[in-house]
Protein backbone atom coordinates (compact mmCIF):
# COMPACT_ATOMS: atom_id res chain seq x y z
CA MET A 1 19.30 6.00 -3.20
CA VAL A 2 16.11 4.74 -3.97
CA VAL A 3 12.96 6.04 -2.21
CA LEU A 4 10.80 3.88 -1.96
CA GLY A 5 7.06 3.97 -3.62
CA THR A 6 5.48 3.64 0.64
CA LYS A 7 5.11 6.32 3.32
CA VAL A 8 5.71 6.70 6.94
CA TYR A 9 2.90 8.41 7.88
CA VAL A 10 2.73 7.54 11.84
CA ALA A 11 4.37 9.30 14.50
CA GLY A 12 6.52 8.39 17.67
CA ASP A 13 6.93 4.98 19.19
CA ALA A 14 4.63 3.63 15.86
CA ARG A 15 7.22 5.09 13.82
CA ASP A 16 10.28 3.80 15.47
CA ARG A 17 8.70 0.08 14.97
CA THR A 18 7.88 1.08 11.67
CA LEU A 19 11.14 1.77 10.61
CA ASP A 20 12.63 -1.02 12.75
CA GLY A 21 10.30 -3.32 10.41
CA LEU A 22 11.01 -2.00 7.10
CA ARG A 23 14.69 -2.61 8.03
CA SER A 24 13.94 -6.14 8.83
CA MET A 25 12.30 -6.35 5.20
CA VAL A 26 15.03 -4.26 3.53
CA GLY A 27 17.91 -6.84 5.42
CA ASN A 28 15.46 -9.70 3.79
CA GLU A 29 15.35 -8.63 0.35
CA LEU A 30 19.50 -7.75 0.18
CA GLY A 31 20.31 -10.40 2.92
CA ASP A 32 22.18 -12.74 0.23
CA LEU A 33 24.05 -9.66 -1.97
CA ASP A 34 27.14 -7.95 -1.81
CA VAL A 35 25.81 -4.36 -0.32
CA GLU A 36 25.90 -2.03 2.60
CA TYR A 37 22.75 -0.44 3.26
CA ASP A 38 21.66 2.55 4.96
CA ILE A 39 17.74 3.58 6.12
CA GLY A 40 16.57 7.46 5.97
CA LEU A 41 13.54 9.12 5.69
CA ARG A 42 12.64 12.56 3.82
CA ASP A 43 10.73 15.55 5.31
CA ASP A 44 7.56 13.88 2.87
CA GLU A 45 7.55 10.57 5.13
CA PHE A 46 8.82 8.90 1.92
CA PRO A 47 11.41 6.52 2.84
CA THR A 48 14.98 6.14 1.40
CA VAL A 49 17.04 3.52 0.98
CA THR A 50 20.56 3.83 -0.16
CA VAL A 51 22.77 1.14 -1.17
CA ASP A 52 26.84 0.69 -1.92
CA GLY A 53 28.62 -2.46 -3.57
CA PRO A 54 29.11 -4.59 -5.88
CA ASP A 55 25.78 -5.56 -5.90
CA GLU A 56 24.33 -2.16 -6.11
CA THR A 57 22.18 -2.50 -9.39
CA VAL A 58 20.48 -5.66 -8.41
CA ALA A 59 19.89 -4.28 -5.20
CA LYS A 60 18.45 -1.52 -6.28
CA ASN A 61 16.64 -3.56 -8.92
CA LEU A 62 15.13 -5.21 -6.24
CA LEU A 63 13.58 -2.91 -3.86
CA ARG A 64 12.01 -0.90 -6.87
CA GLU A 65 10.78 -4.48 -7.61
CA GLU A 66 9.07 -4.81 -3.70
CA PHE A 67 7.94 -1.32 -3.30
CA GLY A 68 8.11 1.03 -6.53
CA GLU A 69 10.03 3.80 -6.79
CA MET A 70 9.06 7.10 -6.41
CA VAL A 71 10.82 9.84 -9.07
CA ALA A 72 10.58 13.77 -9.50
CA ASP A 73 9.92 13.22 -12.97
CA HIS A 74 7.35 11.53 -15.25
CA GLU A 75 7.44 10.43 -19.22
CA ASP A 76 4.08 10.12 -20.77
CA GLY A 77 3.05 6.65 -21.29
CA GLU A 78 5.43 5.47 -18.42
CA THR A 79 4.18 3.52 -15.08
CA TYR A 80 4.68 4.71 -11.72
CA VAL A 81 3.83 4.67 -8.33
CA GLY A 82 2.17 7.11 -6.23
CA THR A 83 -0.06 7.18 -2.51
CA LEU A 84 -3.56 7.45 -2.55
CA ASP A 85 -3.69 11.20 -1.16
CA SER A 86 -7.08 12.02 -1.74
CA TRP A 87 -10.27 11.95 -3.82
CA ASP A 88 -13.61 13.89 -4.60
CA GLU A 89 -16.35 13.56 -7.35
CA ASP A 90 -13.41 14.37 -10.09
CA GLY A 91 -11.44 11.67 -9.48
CA PHE A 92 -8.30 10.49 -6.90
CA VAL A 93 -5.31 12.10 -6.13
CA LEU A 94 -1.83 10.31 -5.91
CA ASP A 95 1.11 11.84 -3.65
CA VAL A 96 4.23 11.32 -5.58
CA GLY A 97 6.15 12.65 -3.67
CA PHE A 98 9.15 15.59 -4.49
CA GLY A 99 6.03 17.62 -3.62
CA GLN A 100 4.06 16.77 -6.13
CA THR A 101 0.61 15.23 -6.86
CA VAL A 102 -0.85 13.09 -10.05
CA ARG A 103 -4.83 13.80 -10.61
CA ILE A 104 -6.20 10.76 -12.01
CA PRO A 105 -9.66 11.52 -13.20
CA ALA A 106 -12.70 9.50 -12.61
CA ASP A 107 -13.37 8.46 -16.30
CA GLN A 108 -9.80 6.90 -16.22
CA LEU A 109 -9.68 4.71 -13.16
CA GLY A 110 -11.13 1.56 -15.10
CA LEU A 111 -13.11 -0.12 -12.13
CA GLY A 112 -16.71 0.10 -13.16
CA GLN A 113 -19.56 2.32 -12.41
CA GLY A 114 -20.06 4.32 -8.96
CA THR A 115 -18.41 7.86 -7.93
CA PRO A 116 -14.81 7.14 -7.40
CA THR A 117 -15.89 7.85 -3.28
CA GLN A 118 -18.07 4.33 -3.90
CA ILE A 119 -15.25 2.95 -5.83
CA ARG A 120 -12.92 3.60 -2.94
CA LYS A 121 -15.14 1.90 -0.72
CA ARG A 122 -16.31 -1.37 -2.69
CA PHE A 123 -12.34 -1.94 -3.88
CA GLY A 124 -11.19 -1.14 0.17
CA LEU A 125 -8.70 1.52 -1.08
CA VAL A 126 -7.20 2.85 2.08
CA GLN A 127 -5.79 6.38 2.30
CA HIS A 128 -2.03 6.07 1.73
CA LEU A 129 -2.23 2.40 -0.54
CA PRO A 130 0.22 2.09 -3.20
CA LEU A 131 -1.38 2.40 -6.47
CA ARG A 132 0.13 2.38 -9.76
CA PHE A 133 -0.25 4.65 -12.60
CA VAL A 134 0.37 5.08 -15.89
CA ALA A 135 1.74 9.54 -16.67
CA GLY A 136 -0.07 11.03 -19.43
CA ASP A 137 -2.92 13.84 -19.83
CA PRO A 138 -4.77 12.75 -18.39
CA ALA A 139 -3.12 10.05 -16.19
CA ARG A 140 -4.64 7.09 -15.77
CA LEU A 141 -5.01 3.95 -13.29
CA ALA A 142 -2.78 1.20 -14.35
CA GLU A 143 -4.28 -2.15 -15.83
CA VAL A 144 -1.79 -4.14 -13.66
CA GLU A 145 -3.44 -2.60 -10.43
CA GLN A 146 -6.52 -2.42 -12.08
CA ASP A 147 -6.68 -6.11 -12.08
CA ARG A 148 -5.43 -6.70 -8.97
CA LEU A 149 -7.94 -4.66 -7.72
CA TYR A 150 -10.42 -6.70 -9.27
CA GLU A 151 -9.31 -9.76 -8.19
CA TRP A 152 -9.76 -8.15 -4.33
CA THR A 153 -13.79 -8.54 -5.39
CA ARG A 154 -13.23 -12.08 -6.94
CA GLY A 155 -13.45 -15.63 -5.53
CA ASP A 156 -14.54 -16.84 -2.44
CA ASN A 157 -12.75 -14.69 0.29
CA GLY A 158 -13.00 -10.94 1.29
CA ARG A 159 -10.98 -8.83 3.01
CA ILE A 160 -10.42 -6.04 5.33
CA ASN A 161 -7.89 -3.56 4.09
CA ALA A 162 -6.42 -1.23 7.05
CA ASN A 163 -3.99 1.74 7.23
CA SER A 164 -1.62 3.06 10.19
CA VAL A 165 -1.13 -0.46 11.28
CA THR A 166 2.14 -2.95 10.39
CA ARG A 167 1.39 -7.01 9.09
CA SER A 168 2.33 -7.66 13.01
CA GLU A 169 0.20 -5.29 14.74
CA ALA A 170 -2.65 -6.39 12.41
CA ARG A 171 -2.29 -10.17 13.02
CA ALA A 172 -1.53 -9.76 16.81
CA THR A 173 -5.10 -7.72 16.20
CA VAL A 174 -7.07 -10.20 14.87
CA ASN A 175 -5.53 -12.62 17.67
CA ARG A 176 -6.74 -10.56 20.39
CA ALA A 177 -10.16 -9.79 18.92
CA GLY A 178 -10.84 -13.50 19.07
CA HIS A 179 -11.06 -14.14 15.29
CA ALA A 180 -7.78 -15.84 14.60
CA GLN A 181 -9.77 -18.74 13.06
CA ASP A 182 -11.72 -16.23 10.56
CA ILE A 183 -8.76 -15.32 8.80
CA VAL A 184 -6.09 -17.20 6.11
CA THR A 185 -3.08 -14.50 6.54
CA VAL A 186 -2.60 -10.81 6.45
CA GLU A 187 -0.91 -9.57 3.48
CA ARG A 188 0.82 -6.57 3.43
CA ILE A 189 0.03 -4.28 0.46
CA GLY A 190 1.93 -1.69 1.72
CA LEU A 191 4.68 -0.47 4.70
CA LEU A 192 1.60 0.46 6.57
CA GLU A 193 -1.23 -0.22 4.97
CA GLN A 194 -2.45 -4.24 5.12
CA SER A 195 -4.97 -6.49 3.84
CA ILE A 196 -6.43 -8.80 6.40
CA ILE A 197 -8.05 -12.20 3.70
CA CYS A 198 -10.01 -13.59 5.49
CA ASN A 199 -11.69 -17.25 5.43
CA PRO A 200 -14.49 -18.30 3.03
CA ASP A 201 -17.53 -18.53 5.50
CA THR A 202 -16.30 -15.07 7.52
CA ASP A 203 -18.22 -12.40 6.98
CA PRO A 204 -15.96 -9.58 6.07
CA PRO A 205 -18.03 -6.21 7.65
CA GLY A 206 -18.81 -8.89 11.05
CA LEU A 207 -15.25 -9.13 11.76
CA LEU A 208 -14.37 -5.22 10.56
CA ALA A 209 -17.18 -4.57 13.88
CA ASP A 210 -15.41 -6.69 15.99
CA ILE A 211 -12.20 -6.02 15.49
CA GLY A 212 -12.79 -2.27 14.88
CA GLN A 213 -12.40 -1.65 18.33
CA TYR A 214 -8.97 -2.51 18.70
CA MET A 215 -7.00 -0.77 15.70
CA PRO A 216 -7.26 2.89 15.41
CA SER A 217 -7.17 2.51 11.79
CA GLU A 218 -9.54 3.53 8.63
CA LEU A 219 -10.90 -0.10 7.59
CA LEU A 220 -12.84 -0.97 4.86
CA ALA A 221 -13.96 -4.15 3.53
CA ILE A 222 -14.69 -5.67 0.91
CA VAL A 223 -16.97 -7.84 -0.17
CA PRO A 224 -16.91 -10.38 -2.83
């Protein structure tokens, strides 16, 4: 069984739609393999995929690569995934499943100047976003994660990051607000966390203001 490194923290019909979407994504990943699989949801809101069949090992590796995996024990120096649970002036707190959290101190974020709160907003780190970290005392944000986040702030394309919404729902909301021509695509950065990539001539804060009334999510604009 693989405990996926992303959360299902919505309720009701939204939860059902999210799990249906997850089944489709897992099916796309494993469709060519000789396996049977079943999707569940733990009490801590992390989904699980139980896999059985001749290609079980390959299937699990594909799931780990695509979603990351939550594990109960962390070895110093190894890279793991957690989801952004909270933040304060001392750093970020990641939910790593199994009733555990990991604190990344402010001086171990590696994301430049500013307080953790300022850094979170500058890089569009919405709550529950999956983030990779290196275990240790103290833990630190992984270099591969730092590179990904810095890449978001470079180039000509701004972004709007959102949580509590699927990729298809985010795209439909942009269309509903009449801004389909103002974006390049919607990139999935977590199961319920999406990054709306703007055209070079689109103003991310302006787009955020227009779509915010249609999207009951935390929205953060990234201006390159």
